Amino acid sequence: MIFNPCTGNGFGNFIFFDATNSKCGRLNATSGPTGPTIGAQDPLTTSGEAAGPELIERFTEIEGDTLKIYYALSTFNPYTLVKMESDFKITRTDR
């Protein structure tokens, strides 16, 4: 997993979170942006999701002990695409 909307502050910031839903154990989370959604889903009561990260390989870089990747992440509510970055600490080993 490269992004977790619970620990990565996605819900309530750029992914809608219905405060009556118990995702992430946060029953009183802030709402965040709403709509549009797919089909007949009510954007005011349907929690969003993070799905389908697609790596943007040309921007991948290593600097020191940090691997930095960029990817496009789809969200369900609002139904859109978000450009994301994740940094990973790496260790180089000699074989």
N, C-alpha and C. Protein backbone atom coordinates (compact mmCIF):
# COMPACT_ATOMS: atom_id res chain seq x y z
N MET A 1 0.84 -1.17 0.00
CA MET A 1 0.00 0.00 0.00
C MET A 1 0.89 1.24 0.00
N ILE A 2 0.67 2.13 -0.96
CA ILE A 2 1.47 3.35 -1.01
C ILE A 2 0.76 4.55 -0.40
N PHE A 3 -0.57 4.45 -0.22
CA PHE A 3 -1.31 5.53 0.42
C PHE A 3 -2.48 4.97 1.20
N ASN A 4 -2.61 5.39 2.44
CA ASN A 4 -3.73 5.00 3.29
C ASN A 4 -4.52 6.26 3.61
N PRO A 5 -5.77 6.37 3.16
CA PRO A 5 -6.53 7.61 3.38
C PRO A 5 -6.81 7.90 4.85
N CYS A 6 -6.70 6.89 5.71
CA CYS A 6 -6.90 7.10 7.16
C CYS A 6 -5.68 7.77 7.78
N THR A 7 -4.51 7.17 7.55
CA THR A 7 -3.29 7.70 8.16
C THR A 7 -2.64 8.79 7.33
N GLY A 8 -3.00 8.90 6.05
CA GLY A 8 -2.41 9.90 5.16
C GLY A 8 -3.23 11.17 5.05
N ASN A 9 -4.20 11.33 5.93
CA ASN A 9 -5.05 12.53 5.97
C ASN A 9 -5.81 12.78 4.67
N GLY A 10 -6.19 11.72 3.98
CA GLY A 10 -7.01 11.87 2.77
C GLY A 10 -8.45 12.18 3.11
N PHE A 11 -9.02 11.39 4.05
CA PHE A 11 -10.41 11.63 4.45
C PHE A 11 -10.53 12.98 5.15
N GLY A 12 -11.50 13.74 4.71
CA GLY A 12 -11.74 15.05 5.31
C GLY A 12 -10.93 16.16 4.68
N ASN A 13 -9.90 15.83 3.90
CA ASN A 13 -9.10 16.84 3.22
C ASN A 13 -9.40 16.89 1.73
N PHE A 14 -9.16 15.77 1.03
CA PHE A 14 -9.48 15.75 -0.40
C PHE A 14 -10.37 14.58 -0.77
N ILE A 15 -10.79 13.79 0.23
CA ILE A 15 -11.76 12.71 0.03
C ILE A 15 -12.88 12.92 1.04
N PHE A 16 -14.12 12.91 0.56
CA PHE A 16 -15.26 13.12 1.46
C PHE A 16 -15.39 11.98 2.46
N PHE A 17 -15.72 12.32 3.69
CA PHE A 17 -15.90 11.35 4.75
C PHE A 17 -17.22 11.62 5.45
N ASP A 18 -18.13 10.66 5.39
CA ASP A 18 -19.42 10.78 6.08
C ASP A 18 -19.19 10.50 7.56
N ALA A 19 -19.41 11.48 8.41
CA ALA A 19 -19.10 11.37 9.84
C ALA A 19 -19.89 10.26 10.54
N THR A 20 -20.98 9.76 9.94
CA THR A 20 -21.73 8.67 10.56
C THR A 20 -21.13 7.31 10.21
N ASN A 21 -20.17 7.28 9.30
CA ASN A 21 -19.52 6.05 8.90
C ASN A 21 -18.33 5.78 9.83
N SER A 22 -18.06 4.54 10.13
CA SER A 22 -17.00 4.23 11.10
C SER A 22 -15.65 3.91 10.46
N LYS A 23 -15.42 4.29 9.22
CA LYS A 23 -14.12 4.05 8.60
C LYS A 23 -13.03 4.70 9.44
N CYS A 24 -11.95 4.02 9.59
CA CYS A 24 -10.78 4.51 10.31
C CYS A 24 -11.04 4.75 11.78
N GLY A 25 -12.23 4.39 12.28
CA GLY A 25 -12.54 4.61 13.67
C GLY A 25 -12.73 6.07 14.03
N ARG A 26 -12.89 6.93 13.03
CA ARG A 26 -13.04 8.36 13.26
C ARG A 26 -14.50 8.75 13.02
N LEU A 27 -15.32 8.65 14.03
CA LEU A 27 -16.75 8.92 13.86
C LEU A 27 -17.07 10.39 13.72
N ASN A 28 -16.16 11.26 14.12
CA ASN A 28 -16.45 12.69 14.06
C ASN A 28 -15.49 13.42 13.13
N ALA A 29 -15.05 12.76 12.07
CA ALA A 29 -14.11 13.38 11.14
C ALA A 29 -14.77 14.52 10.39
N THR A 30 -13.95 15.44 9.91
CA THR A 30 -14.46 16.52 9.08
C THR A 30 -14.91 15.97 7.75
N SER A 31 -15.74 16.71 7.06
CA SER A 31 -16.36 16.21 5.84
C SER A 31 -15.45 16.22 4.62
N GLY A 32 -14.88 17.34 4.28
CA GLY A 32 -14.10 17.43 3.06
C GLY A 32 -14.98 17.75 1.87
N PRO A 33 -14.40 17.76 0.67
CA PRO A 33 -15.15 18.12 -0.53
C PRO A 33 -16.15 17.02 -0.93
N THR A 34 -17.25 17.40 -1.55
CA THR A 34 -18.25 16.42 -2.00
C THR A 34 -18.50 16.54 -3.49
N GLY A 35 -18.91 15.41 -4.08
CA GLY A 35 -19.40 15.30 -5.45
C GLY A 35 -18.43 15.83 -6.48
N PRO A 36 -18.65 15.43 -7.71
CA PRO A 36 -19.68 14.49 -8.14
C PRO A 36 -19.30 13.05 -7.78
N THR A 37 -20.30 12.17 -7.81
CA THR A 37 -20.08 10.74 -7.62
C THR A 37 -20.61 10.01 -8.84
N ILE A 38 -20.41 8.71 -8.88
CA ILE A 38 -20.89 7.89 -9.99
C ILE A 38 -22.30 7.40 -9.68
N GLY A 39 -23.15 7.39 -10.68
CA GLY A 39 -24.50 6.84 -10.52
C GLY A 39 -25.37 7.67 -9.61
N ALA A 40 -26.23 6.98 -8.87
CA ALA A 40 -27.22 7.66 -8.03
C ALA A 40 -26.74 7.84 -6.59
N GLN A 41 -25.44 7.76 -6.35
CA GLN A 41 -24.90 7.93 -5.00
C GLN A 41 -25.09 9.37 -4.53
N ASP A 42 -25.58 9.54 -3.30
CA ASP A 42 -25.75 10.88 -2.73
C ASP A 42 -24.40 11.38 -2.25
N PRO A 43 -23.86 12.46 -2.85
CA PRO A 43 -22.53 12.92 -2.47
C PRO A 43 -22.44 13.45 -1.03
N LEU A 44 -23.57 13.73 -0.39
CA LEU A 44 -23.55 14.24 0.98
C LEU A 44 -23.56 13.14 2.03
N THR A 45 -23.81 11.89 1.61
CA THR A 45 -23.84 10.79 2.57
C THR A 45 -22.97 9.60 2.16
N THR A 46 -22.26 9.69 1.06
CA THR A 46 -21.42 8.59 0.57
C THR A 46 -19.95 8.90 0.80
N SER A 47 -19.32 8.14 1.68
CA SER A 47 -17.89 8.34 1.92
C SER A 47 -17.10 7.99 0.67
N GLY A 48 -16.05 8.74 0.44
CA GLY A 48 -15.19 8.49 -0.70
C GLY A 48 -14.23 7.35 -0.45
N GLU A 49 -13.46 7.04 -1.44
CA GLU A 49 -12.46 5.98 -1.38
C GLU A 49 -11.23 6.44 -2.15
N ALA A 50 -10.10 5.83 -1.89
CA ALA A 50 -8.89 6.03 -2.68
C ALA A 50 -8.64 4.75 -3.44
N ALA A 51 -8.42 4.85 -4.74
CA ALA A 51 -8.27 3.64 -5.55
C ALA A 51 -7.37 3.87 -6.75
N GLY A 52 -6.86 2.79 -7.28
CA GLY A 52 -6.17 2.77 -8.57
C GLY A 52 -4.98 3.70 -8.70
N PRO A 53 -4.00 3.67 -7.78
CA PRO A 53 -2.84 4.53 -7.98
C PRO A 53 -2.07 4.11 -9.23
N GLU A 54 -1.78 5.07 -10.07
CA GLU A 54 -1.03 4.81 -11.31
C GLU A 54 0.28 5.58 -11.24
N LEU A 55 1.38 4.86 -11.23
CA LEU A 55 2.71 5.45 -11.12
C LEU A 55 3.00 6.37 -12.29
N ILE A 56 3.56 7.54 -12.01
CA ILE A 56 4.07 8.44 -13.04
C ILE A 56 5.59 8.26 -13.02
N GLU A 57 6.03 7.26 -13.74
CA GLU A 57 7.40 6.76 -13.62
C GLU A 57 8.47 7.81 -13.92
N ARG A 58 8.23 8.68 -14.85
CA ARG A 58 9.26 9.65 -15.25
C ARG A 58 9.66 10.60 -14.13
N PHE A 59 8.84 10.74 -13.09
CA PHE A 59 9.17 11.64 -11.98
C PHE A 59 9.78 10.91 -10.78
N THR A 60 9.91 9.58 -10.85
CA THR A 60 10.51 8.81 -9.76
C THR A 60 11.96 9.23 -9.58
N GLU A 61 12.35 9.44 -8.32
CA GLU A 61 13.74 9.84 -8.07
C GLU A 61 14.25 9.27 -6.75
N ILE A 62 15.56 9.11 -6.68
CA ILE A 62 16.23 8.69 -5.45
C ILE A 62 17.21 9.79 -5.08
N GLU A 63 17.08 10.26 -3.85
CA GLU A 63 18.00 11.27 -3.34
C GLU A 63 18.45 10.82 -1.96
N GLY A 64 19.73 10.48 -1.85
CA GLY A 64 20.24 9.95 -0.59
C GLY A 64 19.57 8.63 -0.26
N ASP A 65 18.90 8.58 0.89
CA ASP A 65 18.21 7.34 1.29
C ASP A 65 16.69 7.45 1.13
N THR A 66 16.24 8.35 0.24
CA THR A 66 14.81 8.55 0.03
C THR A 66 14.41 8.24 -1.41
N LEU A 67 13.45 7.34 -1.56
CA LEU A 67 12.82 7.06 -2.85
C LEU A 67 11.55 7.88 -2.89
N LYS A 68 11.41 8.73 -3.90
CA LYS A 68 10.24 9.59 -4.05
C LYS A 68 9.48 9.15 -5.29
N ILE A 69 8.21 8.79 -5.11
CA ILE A 69 7.39 8.41 -6.26
C ILE A 69 6.19 9.35 -6.37
N TYR A 70 5.77 9.56 -7.59
CA TYR A 70 4.58 10.35 -7.88
C TYR A 70 3.59 9.44 -8.59
N TYR A 71 2.31 9.63 -8.28
CA TYR A 71 1.29 8.79 -8.89
C TYR A 71 -0.04 9.54 -8.94
N ALA A 72 -0.90 9.09 -9.83
CA ALA A 72 -2.26 9.63 -9.94
C ALA A 72 -3.17 8.69 -9.15
N LEU A 73 -3.94 9.25 -8.23
CA LEU A 73 -4.82 8.48 -7.36
C LEU A 73 -6.26 8.88 -7.65
N SER A 74 -7.10 7.89 -7.90
CA SER A 74 -8.51 8.15 -8.14
C SER A 74 -9.25 8.18 -6.81
N THR A 75 -10.19 9.10 -6.68
CA THR A 75 -11.05 9.16 -5.50
C THR A 75 -12.49 8.99 -5.94
N PHE A 76 -13.32 8.46 -5.06
CA PHE A 76 -14.71 8.19 -5.42
C PHE A 76 -15.64 9.36 -5.12
N ASN A 77 -15.44 10.04 -4.02
CA ASN A 77 -16.26 11.21 -3.70
C ASN A 77 -15.35 12.27 -3.11
N PRO A 78 -15.00 13.30 -3.88
CA PRO A 78 -15.46 13.55 -5.24
C PRO A 78 -14.77 12.61 -6.24
N TYR A 79 -15.45 12.34 -7.32
CA TYR A 79 -14.93 11.46 -8.35
C TYR A 79 -13.95 12.27 -9.19
N THR A 80 -12.67 12.10 -8.89
CA THR A 80 -11.63 12.88 -9.55
C THR A 80 -10.30 12.17 -9.47
N LEU A 81 -9.27 12.78 -9.98
CA LEU A 81 -7.92 12.27 -9.97
C LEU A 81 -7.04 13.26 -9.20
N VAL A 82 -6.19 12.75 -8.33
CA VAL A 82 -5.32 13.60 -7.51
C VAL A 82 -3.88 13.20 -7.75
N LYS A 83 -2.99 14.17 -8.00
CA LYS A 83 -1.57 13.88 -8.14
C LYS A 83 -0.99 13.76 -6.74
N MET A 84 -0.34 12.63 -6.48
CA MET A 84 0.17 12.32 -5.15
C MET A 84 1.68 12.10 -5.18
N GLU A 85 2.29 12.22 -3.99
CA GLU A 85 3.70 11.93 -3.81
C GLU A 85 3.85 11.11 -2.54
N SER A 86 4.66 10.08 -2.59
CA SER A 86 4.99 9.30 -1.40
C SER A 86 6.49 9.14 -1.34
N ASP A 87 7.04 9.29 -0.14
CA ASP A 87 8.47 9.14 0.08
C ASP A 87 8.72 7.90 0.92
N PHE A 88 9.74 7.14 0.54
CA PHE A 88 10.09 5.92 1.24
C PHE A 88 11.57 5.97 1.60
N LYS A 89 11.89 5.60 2.83
CA LYS A 89 13.29 5.47 3.23
C LYS A 89 13.80 4.14 2.70
N ILE A 90 14.94 4.19 2.02
CA ILE A 90 15.49 2.97 1.43
C ILE A 90 16.89 2.71 1.98
N THR A 91 17.30 1.46 1.92
CA THR A 91 18.64 1.06 2.32
C THR A 91 19.26 0.33 1.16
N ARG A 92 20.41 0.77 0.75
CA ARG A 92 21.12 0.10 -0.33
C ARG A 92 22.01 -0.99 0.26
N THR A 93 22.00 -2.13 -0.39
CA THR A 93 22.86 -3.23 0.07
C THR A 93 23.78 -3.66 -1.07
N ASP A 94 24.95 -4.05 -0.73
CA ASP A 94 25.89 -4.58 -1.71
C ASP A 94 25.80 -6.09 -1.68
N ARG A 95 25.74 -6.71 -2.84
CA ARG A 95 25.64 -8.16 -2.93
C ARG A 95 26.94 -8.76 -3.31
